[in-house]
Amino acid sequence: MKKILFIIVKRLPTNSLRVFFYRFAFKYKIGKNVRIGKCVINAKKVDIGDNVLIRDYNNISCNILKINDGFSIHSGNKIIGSANFTIGKNSRIINDHFIDLYNNVTIGRNSWLAGKSSQIWTHGSIHTKSGKDLSVCIGSNVYIGSNTSIAPSVKIGNINLIGLGSVVTKSYTESATIIAGNPAIIVKDNIDWRKEW
């Protein structure tokens, strides 16, 4: 029954109707000036801040969804699993990315999952059997280039740029670096990509 309701809400013709049904049929907490396209948002608990944009054809299915003010997500993204997804203020996700929520994923404020076709993974057969926490945490002011893969349990510090096509297999908690390659390494440090890249 719930699945049918999600399909109905997705097909509603206007943003105001979709927001209304998410608020009152599903008890989602949704802030002011929120635009939700023709997409699916399926979570046990949802808290969406003000001035958020969620475009068409996204599939978000998780346990707890926390979206802070000013977040925007373009089209064709899949954020799927049984764990929690949290993203910070003024962060952006562009097109056709995949985020696996077998474990939690947290992304800080002013961060970008840019371009398209990046993947964030939080499970793997060997580690999952051991019960290890494979949650991924991306800091604030991080730019992740197109077609990047991030492995389970990776932690990325603040003010870092990850070059397009990178395969990030371990954590980098340093700040103000450029991380690139396969496997990804720090190729430049003491650089603020927001000012110098």
N, C-alpha and C. Protein backbone atom coordinates (compact mmCIF):
# COMPACT_ATOMS: atom_id res chain seq x y z
N MET A 1 0.82 -1.21 0.00
CA MET A 1 0.00 0.00 0.00
C MET A 1 0.86 1.27 0.00
N LYS A 2 1.90 1.27 0.85
CA LYS A 2 2.77 2.44 0.93
C LYS A 2 3.48 2.69 -0.39
N LYS A 3 3.91 1.61 -1.05
CA LYS A 3 4.59 1.74 -2.34
C LYS A 3 3.68 2.39 -3.37
N ILE A 4 2.41 2.02 -3.35
CA ILE A 4 1.44 2.61 -4.28
C ILE A 4 1.28 4.10 -4.00
N LEU A 5 1.25 4.46 -2.71
CA LEU A 5 1.13 5.88 -2.35
C LEU A 5 2.32 6.69 -2.86
N PHE A 6 3.53 6.13 -2.76
CA PHE A 6 4.70 6.83 -3.27
C PHE A 6 4.60 7.06 -4.77
N ILE A 7 4.11 6.08 -5.50
CA ILE A 7 3.93 6.22 -6.95
C ILE A 7 2.92 7.31 -7.26
N ILE A 8 1.84 7.35 -6.49
CA ILE A 8 0.81 8.38 -6.68
C ILE A 8 1.38 9.77 -6.43
N VAL A 9 2.11 9.92 -5.31
CA VAL A 9 2.70 11.23 -4.98
C VAL A 9 3.68 11.66 -6.05
N LYS A 10 4.48 10.74 -6.53
CA LYS A 10 5.46 11.04 -7.58
C LYS A 10 4.78 11.62 -8.81
N ARG A 11 3.59 11.14 -9.12
CA ARG A 11 2.90 11.54 -10.35
C ARG A 11 1.98 12.74 -10.18
N LEU A 12 1.91 13.28 -8.99
CA LEU A 12 1.09 14.48 -8.79
C LEU A 12 1.62 15.63 -9.64
N PRO A 13 0.73 16.45 -10.20
CA PRO A 13 1.15 17.42 -11.22
C PRO A 13 1.89 18.65 -10.72
N THR A 14 1.78 18.98 -9.43
CA THR A 14 2.41 20.22 -8.95
C THR A 14 3.26 19.98 -7.71
N ASN A 15 4.23 20.86 -7.53
CA ASN A 15 5.09 20.80 -6.35
C ASN A 15 4.28 20.94 -5.07
N SER A 16 3.35 21.87 -5.04
CA SER A 16 2.59 22.12 -3.81
C SER A 16 1.81 20.88 -3.37
N LEU A 17 1.28 20.13 -4.33
CA LEU A 17 0.57 18.89 -3.99
C LEU A 17 1.53 17.83 -3.44
N ARG A 18 2.69 17.71 -4.08
CA ARG A 18 3.66 16.71 -3.61
C ARG A 18 4.14 17.03 -2.20
N VAL A 19 4.46 18.28 -1.95
CA VAL A 19 4.90 18.69 -0.61
C VAL A 19 3.79 18.45 0.40
N PHE A 20 2.56 18.80 0.04
CA PHE A 20 1.42 18.60 0.94
C PHE A 20 1.28 17.13 1.34
N PHE A 21 1.32 16.24 0.35
CA PHE A 21 1.14 14.82 0.64
C PHE A 21 2.31 14.25 1.45
N TYR A 22 3.54 14.67 1.14
CA TYR A 22 4.67 14.20 1.94
C TYR A 22 4.54 14.67 3.40
N ARG A 23 4.06 15.88 3.60
CA ARG A 23 3.90 16.40 4.95
C ARG A 23 2.80 15.68 5.72
N PHE A 24 1.67 15.50 5.08
CA PHE A 24 0.49 15.05 5.84
C PHE A 24 0.21 13.55 5.71
N ALA A 25 0.55 12.95 4.58
CA ALA A 25 0.34 11.50 4.45
C ALA A 25 1.47 10.71 5.07
N PHE A 26 2.71 11.24 4.96
CA PHE A 26 3.88 10.52 5.46
C PHE A 26 4.51 11.16 6.70
N LYS A 27 3.98 12.31 7.11
CA LYS A 27 4.47 13.00 8.32
C LYS A 27 5.91 13.46 8.20
N TYR A 28 6.35 13.77 6.99
CA TYR A 28 7.69 14.29 6.79
C TYR A 28 7.76 15.75 7.25
N LYS A 29 8.86 16.11 7.88
CA LYS A 29 9.10 17.50 8.25
C LYS A 29 9.77 18.20 7.07
N ILE A 30 9.08 19.17 6.49
CA ILE A 30 9.56 19.86 5.29
C ILE A 30 9.49 21.36 5.53
N GLY A 31 10.59 22.05 5.30
CA GLY A 31 10.68 23.48 5.58
C GLY A 31 10.00 24.35 4.55
N LYS A 32 10.37 25.63 4.57
CA LYS A 32 9.77 26.62 3.67
C LYS A 32 10.50 26.65 2.33
N ASN A 33 9.75 27.01 1.29
CA ASN A 33 10.31 27.19 -0.05
C ASN A 33 11.07 25.95 -0.52
N VAL A 34 10.45 24.79 -0.33
CA VAL A 34 11.02 23.52 -0.77
C VAL A 34 10.32 23.09 -2.05
N ARG A 35 11.12 22.72 -3.05
CA ARG A 35 10.57 22.22 -4.31
C ARG A 35 10.97 20.76 -4.48
N ILE A 36 9.98 19.92 -4.67
CA ILE A 36 10.20 18.49 -4.84
C ILE A 36 9.64 18.07 -6.19
N GLY A 37 10.50 17.54 -7.05
CA GLY A 37 10.08 17.10 -8.37
C GLY A 37 9.41 15.73 -8.33
N LYS A 38 9.25 15.17 -9.50
CA LYS A 38 8.60 13.86 -9.63
C LYS A 38 9.62 12.77 -9.30
N CYS A 39 9.72 12.50 -8.01
CA CYS A 39 10.72 11.55 -7.52
C CYS A 39 10.13 10.79 -6.34
N VAL A 40 10.90 9.83 -5.82
CA VAL A 40 10.47 9.05 -4.67
C VAL A 40 11.35 9.39 -3.47
N ILE A 41 10.72 9.73 -2.35
CA ILE A 41 11.42 9.92 -1.08
C ILE A 41 10.76 8.99 -0.07
N ASN A 42 11.46 7.92 0.27
CA ASN A 42 10.90 6.87 1.12
C ASN A 42 11.83 6.66 2.31
N ALA A 43 11.43 7.16 3.47
CA ALA A 43 12.25 7.01 4.68
C ALA A 43 11.34 6.95 5.90
N LYS A 44 11.84 6.34 6.96
CA LYS A 44 11.06 6.28 8.19
C LYS A 44 10.92 7.65 8.83
N LYS A 45 11.98 8.46 8.72
CA LYS A 45 11.95 9.81 9.27
C LYS A 45 12.64 10.75 8.29
N VAL A 46 11.98 11.87 7.98
CA VAL A 46 12.52 12.84 7.03
C VAL A 46 12.48 14.23 7.65
N ASP A 47 13.61 14.93 7.56
CA ASP A 47 13.70 16.31 8.02
C ASP A 47 14.40 17.11 6.93
N ILE A 48 13.63 17.93 6.21
CA ILE A 48 14.14 18.73 5.10
C ILE A 48 14.07 20.19 5.49
N GLY A 49 15.19 20.90 5.38
CA GLY A 49 15.26 22.31 5.76
C GLY A 49 14.61 23.23 4.74
N ASP A 50 14.91 24.53 4.87
CA ASP A 50 14.34 25.54 3.98
C ASP A 50 15.14 25.66 2.69
N ASN A 51 14.45 26.15 1.64
CA ASN A 51 15.10 26.50 0.36
C ASN A 51 15.83 25.31 -0.26
N VAL A 52 15.20 24.16 -0.20
CA VAL A 52 15.77 22.92 -0.75
C VAL A 52 15.13 22.63 -2.10
N LEU A 53 15.95 22.15 -3.05
CA LEU A 53 15.47 21.77 -4.38
C LEU A 53 15.80 20.31 -4.63
N ILE A 54 14.78 19.51 -4.89
CA ILE A 54 14.94 18.10 -5.25
C ILE A 54 14.27 17.92 -6.61
N ARG A 55 15.06 17.71 -7.65
CA ARG A 55 14.51 17.65 -9.01
C ARG A 55 13.92 16.27 -9.31
N ASP A 56 13.41 16.14 -10.55
CA ASP A 56 12.74 14.91 -10.99
C ASP A 56 13.70 13.71 -11.03
N TYR A 57 13.08 12.53 -10.97
CA TYR A 57 13.73 11.24 -11.26
C TYR A 57 14.83 10.86 -10.28
N ASN A 58 14.73 11.34 -9.05
CA ASN A 58 15.61 10.85 -7.99
C ASN A 58 14.89 9.77 -7.19
N ASN A 59 15.66 8.81 -6.71
CA ASN A 59 15.11 7.75 -5.86
C ASN A 59 15.89 7.76 -4.54
N ILE A 60 15.23 8.22 -3.48
CA ILE A 60 15.86 8.31 -2.16
C ILE A 60 15.10 7.38 -1.22
N SER A 61 15.77 6.34 -0.77
CA SER A 61 15.13 5.34 0.10
C SER A 61 16.10 4.97 1.21
N CYS A 62 15.74 5.30 2.46
CA CYS A 62 16.67 5.07 3.57
C CYS A 62 15.91 5.02 4.89
N ASN A 63 16.65 4.94 5.97
CA ASN A 63 16.04 4.93 7.30
C ASN A 63 15.71 6.36 7.74
N ILE A 64 16.74 7.16 7.99
CA ILE A 64 16.55 8.56 8.36
C ILE A 64 17.21 9.45 7.31
N LEU A 65 16.45 10.43 6.84
CA LEU A 65 16.95 11.39 5.84
C LEU A 65 16.96 12.78 6.47
N LYS A 66 18.15 13.38 6.54
CA LYS A 66 18.30 14.73 7.09
C LYS A 66 18.95 15.61 6.04
N ILE A 67 18.19 16.59 5.54
CA ILE A 67 18.66 17.52 4.52
C ILE A 67 18.62 18.92 5.11
N ASN A 68 19.76 19.59 5.11
CA ASN A 68 19.82 20.94 5.69
C ASN A 68 19.51 22.02 4.66
N ASP A 69 19.35 23.26 5.15
CA ASP A 69 18.91 24.38 4.31
C ASP A 69 19.79 24.55 3.07
N GLY A 70 19.15 24.93 1.97
CA GLY A 70 19.87 25.32 0.78
C GLY A 70 20.43 24.20 -0.06
N PHE A 71 20.13 22.95 0.30
CA PHE A 71 20.62 21.80 -0.47
C PHE A 71 19.89 21.71 -1.80
N SER A 72 20.60 21.26 -2.85
CA SER A 72 19.94 20.97 -4.12
C SER A 72 20.48 19.68 -4.71
N ILE A 73 19.59 18.94 -5.34
CA ILE A 73 19.96 17.69 -6.01
C ILE A 73 19.31 17.68 -7.38
N HIS A 74 20.11 17.44 -8.41
CA HIS A 74 19.60 17.43 -9.77
C HIS A 74 18.92 16.08 -10.04
N SER A 75 19.01 15.54 -11.23
CA SER A 75 18.18 14.40 -11.62
C SER A 75 18.94 13.08 -11.71
N GLY A 76 18.19 11.99 -11.59
CA GLY A 76 18.70 10.66 -11.87
C GLY A 76 19.58 10.05 -10.81
N ASN A 77 19.54 10.56 -9.59
CA ASN A 77 20.38 10.03 -8.51
C ASN A 77 19.66 8.93 -7.74
N LYS A 78 20.44 7.96 -7.25
CA LYS A 78 19.91 6.89 -6.41
C LYS A 78 20.64 6.91 -5.08
N ILE A 79 19.89 7.12 -4.01
CA ILE A 79 20.42 7.11 -2.64
C ILE A 79 19.61 6.06 -1.90
N ILE A 80 20.18 4.86 -1.78
CA ILE A 80 19.36 3.69 -1.44
C ILE A 80 20.02 2.84 -0.37
N GLY A 81 19.22 2.40 0.61
CA GLY A 81 19.70 1.46 1.62
C GLY A 81 18.88 1.57 2.89
N SER A 82 19.34 0.87 3.92
CA SER A 82 18.59 0.79 5.17
C SER A 82 19.17 1.68 6.27
N ALA A 83 20.23 2.41 5.97
CA ALA A 83 20.87 3.28 6.97
C ALA A 83 20.46 4.73 6.77
N ASN A 84 21.25 5.66 7.30
CA ASN A 84 20.87 7.08 7.33
C ASN A 84 21.70 7.90 6.36
N PHE A 85 21.07 8.96 5.83
CA PHE A 85 21.76 9.90 4.94
C PHE A 85 21.57 11.31 5.47
N THR A 86 22.70 12.00 5.69
CA THR A 86 22.68 13.38 6.18
C THR A 86 23.54 14.24 5.27
N ILE A 87 23.01 15.39 4.86
CA ILE A 87 23.80 16.29 4.01
C ILE A 87 23.64 17.72 4.51
N GLY A 88 24.76 18.46 4.49
CA GLY A 88 24.82 19.76 5.13
C GLY A 88 24.28 20.91 4.31
N LYS A 89 24.27 22.05 4.93
CA LYS A 89 23.74 23.28 4.36
C LYS A 89 24.46 23.67 3.07
N ASN A 90 23.66 24.02 2.05
CA ASN A 90 24.16 24.55 0.76
C ASN A 90 25.01 23.56 -0.02
N SER A 91 24.90 22.28 0.27
CA SER A 91 25.61 21.28 -0.52
C SER A 91 24.80 20.92 -1.77
N ARG A 92 25.49 20.29 -2.74
CA ARG A 92 24.83 19.98 -4.02
C ARG A 92 25.22 18.59 -4.49
N ILE A 93 24.25 17.92 -5.10
CA ILE A 93 24.48 16.66 -5.81
C ILE A 93 23.96 16.88 -7.22
N ILE A 94 24.80 16.61 -8.21
CA ILE A 94 24.38 16.88 -9.59
C ILE A 94 23.65 15.64 -10.15
N ASN A 95 24.09 15.03 -11.23
CA ASN A 95 23.26 14.02 -11.92
C ASN A 95 23.82 12.60 -11.86
N ASP A 96 22.91 11.65 -11.77
CA ASP A 96 23.19 10.23 -12.02
C ASP A 96 24.25 9.63 -11.09
N HIS A 97 24.25 10.03 -9.85
CA HIS A 97 25.16 9.45 -8.86
C HIS A 97 24.47 8.33 -8.10
N PHE A 98 25.28 7.46 -7.48
CA PHE A 98 24.76 6.35 -6.68
C PHE A 98 25.39 6.39 -5.30
N ILE A 99 24.55 6.40 -4.27
CA ILE A 99 25.02 6.36 -2.88
C ILE A 99 24.39 5.15 -2.20
N ASP A 100 25.24 4.23 -1.77
CA ASP A 100 24.82 3.00 -1.11
C ASP A 100 24.71 3.25 0.39
N LEU A 101 23.53 2.97 0.94
CA LEU A 101 23.30 3.23 2.36
C LEU A 101 23.14 1.94 3.16
N TYR A 102 24.02 0.98 2.93
CA TYR A 102 24.06 -0.19 3.82
C TYR A 102 24.50 0.27 5.21
N ASN A 103 25.46 1.22 5.22
CA ASN A 103 25.83 1.96 6.43
C ASN A 103 25.59 3.45 6.16
N ASN A 104 25.79 4.28 7.17
CA ASN A 104 25.46 5.70 7.06
C ASN A 104 26.41 6.44 6.12
N VAL A 105 25.87 7.48 5.48
CA VAL A 105 26.67 8.42 4.71
C VAL A 105 26.34 9.83 5.20
N THR A 106 27.40 10.59 5.53
CA THR A 106 27.25 11.97 5.97
C THR A 106 28.11 12.86 5.09
N ILE A 107 27.53 13.93 4.59
CA ILE A 107 28.24 14.92 3.77
C ILE A 107 28.05 16.28 4.44
N GLY A 108 29.15 17.02 4.61
CA GLY A 108 29.10 18.30 5.31
C GLY A 108 28.50 19.43 4.49
N ARG A 109 28.67 20.64 4.96
CA ARG A 109 28.09 21.80 4.31
C ARG A 109 28.97 22.28 3.14
N ASN A 110 28.33 22.92 2.17
CA ASN A 110 29.01 23.53 1.02
C ASN A 110 29.85 22.54 0.23
N SER A 111 29.43 21.29 0.22
CA SER A 111 30.17 20.26 -0.53
C SER A 111 29.41 19.89 -1.81
N TRP A 112 30.16 19.43 -2.79
CA TRP A 112 29.60 19.09 -4.10
C TRP A 112 29.91 17.65 -4.46
N LEU A 113 28.90 16.92 -4.88
CA LEU A 113 29.08 15.69 -5.63
C LEU A 113 28.79 16.09 -7.07
N ALA A 114 29.84 16.49 -7.78
CA ALA A 114 29.70 17.20 -9.05
C ALA A 114 29.61 16.25 -10.24
N GLY A 115 29.37 16.82 -11.41
CA GLY A 115 29.34 16.04 -12.64
C GLY A 115 28.31 14.93 -12.59
N LYS A 116 28.74 13.71 -12.98
CA LYS A 116 27.82 12.58 -12.97
C LYS A 116 28.56 11.28 -12.72
N SER A 117 27.78 10.27 -12.37
CA SER A 117 28.22 8.87 -12.31
C SER A 117 29.25 8.55 -11.23
N SER A 118 29.27 9.30 -10.14
CA SER A 118 30.10 8.90 -9.00
C SER A 118 29.36 7.88 -8.15
N GLN A 119 30.13 7.10 -7.37
CA GLN A 119 29.56 6.07 -6.51
C GLN A 119 30.18 6.16 -5.12
N ILE A 120 29.33 6.07 -4.10
CA ILE A 120 29.79 5.98 -2.72
C ILE A 120 29.27 4.66 -2.16
N TRP A 121 30.19 3.81 -1.67
CA TRP A 121 29.83 2.47 -1.20
C TRP A 121 30.07 2.36 0.31
N THR A 122 29.16 1.65 0.99
CA THR A 122 29.31 1.46 2.44
C THR A 122 29.23 -0.01 2.84
N HIS A 123 29.43 -0.90 1.91
CA HIS A 123 29.47 -2.31 2.29
C HIS A 123 30.37 -3.08 1.32
N GLY A 124 30.88 -4.20 1.83
CA GLY A 124 31.68 -5.11 1.04
C GLY A 124 31.61 -6.47 1.70
N SER A 125 31.67 -7.52 0.94
CA SER A 125 31.37 -8.86 1.47
C SER A 125 32.25 -9.26 2.65
N ILE A 126 33.55 -8.98 2.59
CA ILE A 126 34.46 -9.39 3.66
C ILE A 126 34.19 -8.59 4.93
N HIS A 127 34.14 -7.25 4.80
CA HIS A 127 33.97 -6.38 5.97
C HIS A 127 32.57 -6.50 6.55
N THR A 128 31.58 -6.68 5.70
CA THR A 128 30.21 -6.79 6.19
C THR A 128 30.06 -8.00 7.10
N LYS A 129 30.69 -9.11 6.75
CA LYS A 129 30.62 -10.32 7.58
C LYS A 129 31.28 -10.10 8.94
N SER A 130 32.28 -9.23 9.00
CA SER A 130 32.98 -8.99 10.27
C SER A 130 32.23 -8.03 11.18
N GLY A 131 31.19 -7.40 10.67
CA GLY A 131 30.42 -6.45 11.46
C GLY A 131 31.06 -5.09 11.59
N LYS A 132 32.08 -4.81 10.81
CA LYS A 132 32.77 -3.52 10.86
C LYS A 132 31.86 -2.40 10.35
N ASP A 133 31.92 -1.24 11.02
CA ASP A 133 31.16 -0.08 10.57
C ASP A 133 31.84 0.51 9.33
N LEU A 134 31.13 0.52 8.23
CA LEU A 134 31.70 0.98 6.97
C LEU A 134 31.08 2.30 6.52
N SER A 135 30.60 3.09 7.48
CA SER A 135 30.01 4.39 7.15
C SER A 135 31.04 5.30 6.48
N VAL A 136 30.55 6.15 5.59
CA VAL A 136 31.38 7.12 4.87
C VAL A 136 31.04 8.52 5.36
N CYS A 137 32.08 9.32 5.59
CA CYS A 137 31.88 10.70 6.05
C CYS A 137 32.71 11.64 5.18
N ILE A 138 32.03 12.54 4.49
CA ILE A 138 32.66 13.55 3.65
C ILE A 138 32.54 14.88 4.39
N GLY A 139 33.64 15.61 4.51
CA GLY A 139 33.64 16.85 5.28
C GLY A 139 32.92 18.00 4.59
N SER A 140 33.13 19.20 5.11
CA SER A 140 32.55 20.42 4.54
C SER A 140 33.51 21.02 3.51
N ASN A 141 32.91 21.73 2.53
CA ASN A 141 33.70 22.39 1.48
C ASN A 141 34.57 21.39 0.72
N VAL A 142 33.97 20.25 0.40
CA VAL A 142 34.64 19.22 -0.39
C VAL A 142 34.01 19.17 -1.78
N TYR A 143 34.86 19.12 -2.79
CA TYR A 143 34.40 19.01 -4.18
C TYR A 143 34.81 17.65 -4.71
N ILE A 144 33.83 16.85 -5.11
CA ILE A 144 34.09 15.51 -5.63
C ILE A 144 33.79 15.53 -7.12
N GLY A 145 34.83 15.33 -7.93
CA GLY A 145 34.67 15.39 -9.37
C GLY A 145 33.90 14.22 -9.94
N SER A 146 33.50 14.37 -11.18
CA SER A 146 32.69 13.38 -11.88
C SER A 146 33.34 12.00 -11.91
N ASN A 147 32.49 10.96 -11.85
CA ASN A 147 32.93 9.57 -12.02
C ASN A 147 33.96 9.13 -10.98
N THR A 148 33.78 9.59 -9.76
CA THR A 148 34.64 9.19 -8.65
C THR A 148 34.01 8.02 -7.91
N SER A 149 34.83 7.09 -7.45
CA SER A 149 34.36 5.98 -6.62
C SER A 149 34.97 6.11 -5.22
N ILE A 150 34.11 6.01 -4.20
CA ILE A 150 34.56 6.10 -2.82
C ILE A 150 34.24 4.79 -2.11
N ALA A 151 35.26 4.18 -1.54
CA ALA A 151 35.14 2.85 -0.94
C ALA A 151 34.52 2.92 0.45
N PRO A 152 34.04 1.78 0.96
CA PRO A 152 33.48 1.73 2.31
C PRO A 152 34.45 2.22 3.38
N SER A 153 33.91 2.89 4.38
CA SER A 153 34.59 3.40 5.60
C SER A 153 35.49 4.61 5.36
N VAL A 154 35.50 5.16 4.16
CA VAL A 154 36.36 6.30 3.87
C VAL A 154 35.87 7.55 4.59
N LYS A 155 36.83 8.32 5.13
CA LYS A 155 36.57 9.62 5.74
C LYS A 155 37.41 10.66 4.99
N ILE A 156 36.76 11.77 4.60
CA ILE A 156 37.44 12.85 3.89
C ILE A 156 37.33 14.12 4.71
N GLY A 157 38.47 14.79 4.96
CA GLY A 157 38.47 16.02 5.73
C GLY A 157 37.89 17.20 4.96
N ASN A 158 37.93 18.37 5.58
CA ASN A 158 37.34 19.58 5.00
C ASN A 158 38.24 20.22 3.95
N ILE A 159 37.62 20.99 3.08
CA ILE A 159 38.31 21.82 2.08
C ILE A 159 39.24 20.98 1.21
N ASN A 160 38.72 19.87 0.70
CA ASN A 160 39.49 19.02 -0.20
C ASN A 160 38.81 18.92 -1.56
N LEU A 161 39.60 18.74 -2.59
CA LEU A 161 39.10 18.49 -3.94
C LEU A 161 39.51 17.09 -4.35
N ILE A 162 38.56 16.30 -4.82
CA ILE A 162 38.84 14.96 -5.33
C ILE A 162 38.67 15.01 -6.84
N GLY A 163 39.75 14.74 -7.56
CA GLY A 163 39.75 14.86 -9.01
C GLY A 163 38.84 13.85 -9.69
N LEU A 164 38.35 14.21 -10.87
CA LEU A 164 37.42 13.34 -11.57
C LEU A 164 38.07 12.00 -11.90
N GLY A 165 37.26 10.95 -11.83
CA GLY A 165 37.73 9.61 -12.12
C GLY A 165 38.54 8.96 -11.02
N SER A 166 38.63 9.59 -9.87
CA SER A 166 39.45 9.04 -8.78
C SER A 166 38.78 7.83 -8.14
N VAL A 167 39.61 6.93 -7.60
CA VAL A 167 39.13 5.78 -6.84
C VAL A 167 39.72 5.92 -5.43
N VAL A 168 38.88 6.33 -4.49
CA VAL A 168 39.34 6.64 -3.14
C VAL A 168 39.14 5.41 -2.27
N THR A 169 40.24 4.77 -1.90
CA THR A 169 40.18 3.50 -1.17
C THR A 169 40.55 3.63 0.30
N LYS A 170 41.02 4.82 0.72
CA LYS A 170 41.36 5.01 2.13
C LYS A 170 41.02 6.43 2.54
N SER A 171 41.03 6.68 3.84
CA SER A 171 40.64 7.98 4.38
C SER A 171 41.76 9.01 4.23
N TYR A 172 41.32 10.26 4.04
CA TYR A 172 42.23 11.41 4.04
C TYR A 172 41.60 12.48 4.93
N THR A 173 42.06 12.56 6.16
CA THR A 173 41.48 13.50 7.12
C THR A 173 42.17 14.86 7.09
N GLU A 174 43.23 14.99 6.28
CA GLU A 174 43.88 16.28 6.10
C GLU A 174 42.91 17.27 5.45
N SER A 175 43.22 18.55 5.59
CA SER A 175 42.43 19.60 4.94
C SER A 175 43.26 20.32 3.89
N ALA A 176 42.56 20.96 2.95
CA ALA A 176 43.19 21.80 1.93
C ALA A 176 44.17 21.01 1.07
N THR A 177 43.66 19.93 0.48
CA THR A 177 44.48 19.11 -0.43
C THR A 177 43.72 18.85 -1.72
N ILE A 178 44.47 18.38 -2.72
CA ILE A 178 43.89 17.82 -3.93
C ILE A 178 44.21 16.33 -3.93
N ILE A 179 43.18 15.52 -4.05
CA ILE A 179 43.29 14.07 -4.01
C ILE A 179 42.88 13.55 -5.38
N ALA A 180 43.71 12.71 -6.00
CA ALA A 180 43.39 12.24 -7.34
C ALA A 180 44.10 10.93 -7.63
N GLY A 181 43.58 10.21 -8.64
CA GLY A 181 44.23 9.01 -9.14
C GLY A 181 43.50 7.73 -8.79
N ASN A 182 44.08 6.62 -9.26
CA ASN A 182 43.55 5.27 -9.01
C ASN A 182 44.71 4.34 -8.68
N PRO A 183 44.89 4.01 -7.37
CA PRO A 183 44.14 4.52 -6.22
C PRO A 183 44.49 5.98 -5.94
N ALA A 184 43.55 6.71 -5.36
CA ALA A 184 43.74 8.14 -5.13
C ALA A 184 44.80 8.40 -4.06
N ILE A 185 45.60 9.43 -4.30
CA ILE A 185 46.60 9.89 -3.34
C ILE A 185 46.53 11.42 -3.28
N ILE A 186 47.16 12.00 -2.27
CA ILE A 186 47.26 13.46 -2.22
C ILE A 186 48.32 13.90 -3.22
N VAL A 187 47.89 14.70 -4.21
CA VAL A 187 48.83 15.16 -5.23
C VAL A 187 49.28 16.60 -4.98
N LYS A 188 48.56 17.31 -4.12
CA LYS A 188 48.95 18.67 -3.77
C LYS A 188 48.34 19.01 -2.42
N ASP A 189 49.12 19.69 -1.57
CA ASP A 189 48.57 20.09 -0.27
C ASP A 189 48.71 21.59 -0.08
N ASN A 190 48.17 22.06 1.03
CA ASN A 190 48.16 23.50 1.34
C ASN A 190 47.54 24.32 0.22
N ILE A 191 46.41 23.85 -0.30
CA ILE A 191 45.71 24.55 -1.37
C ILE A 191 44.22 24.54 -1.07
N ASP A 192 43.62 25.72 -1.18
CA ASP A 192 42.18 25.87 -1.01
C ASP A 192 41.56 25.91 -2.40
N TRP A 193 40.94 24.82 -2.81
CA TRP A 193 40.41 24.73 -4.18
C TRP A 193 39.39 25.82 -4.47
N ARG A 194 38.73 26.34 -3.46
CA ARG A 194 37.72 27.38 -3.68
C ARG A 194 38.33 28.69 -4.16
N LYS A 195 39.62 28.89 -3.88
CA LYS A 195 40.29 30.14 -4.24
C LYS A 195 41.33 29.95 -5.33
N GLU A 196 41.95 28.76 -5.39
CA GLU A 196 43.14 28.61 -6.23
C GLU A 196 42.98 27.64 -7.38
N TRP A 197 41.87 26.90 -7.43
CA TRP A 197 41.76 25.87 -8.48
C TRP A 197 41.03 26.42 -9.68
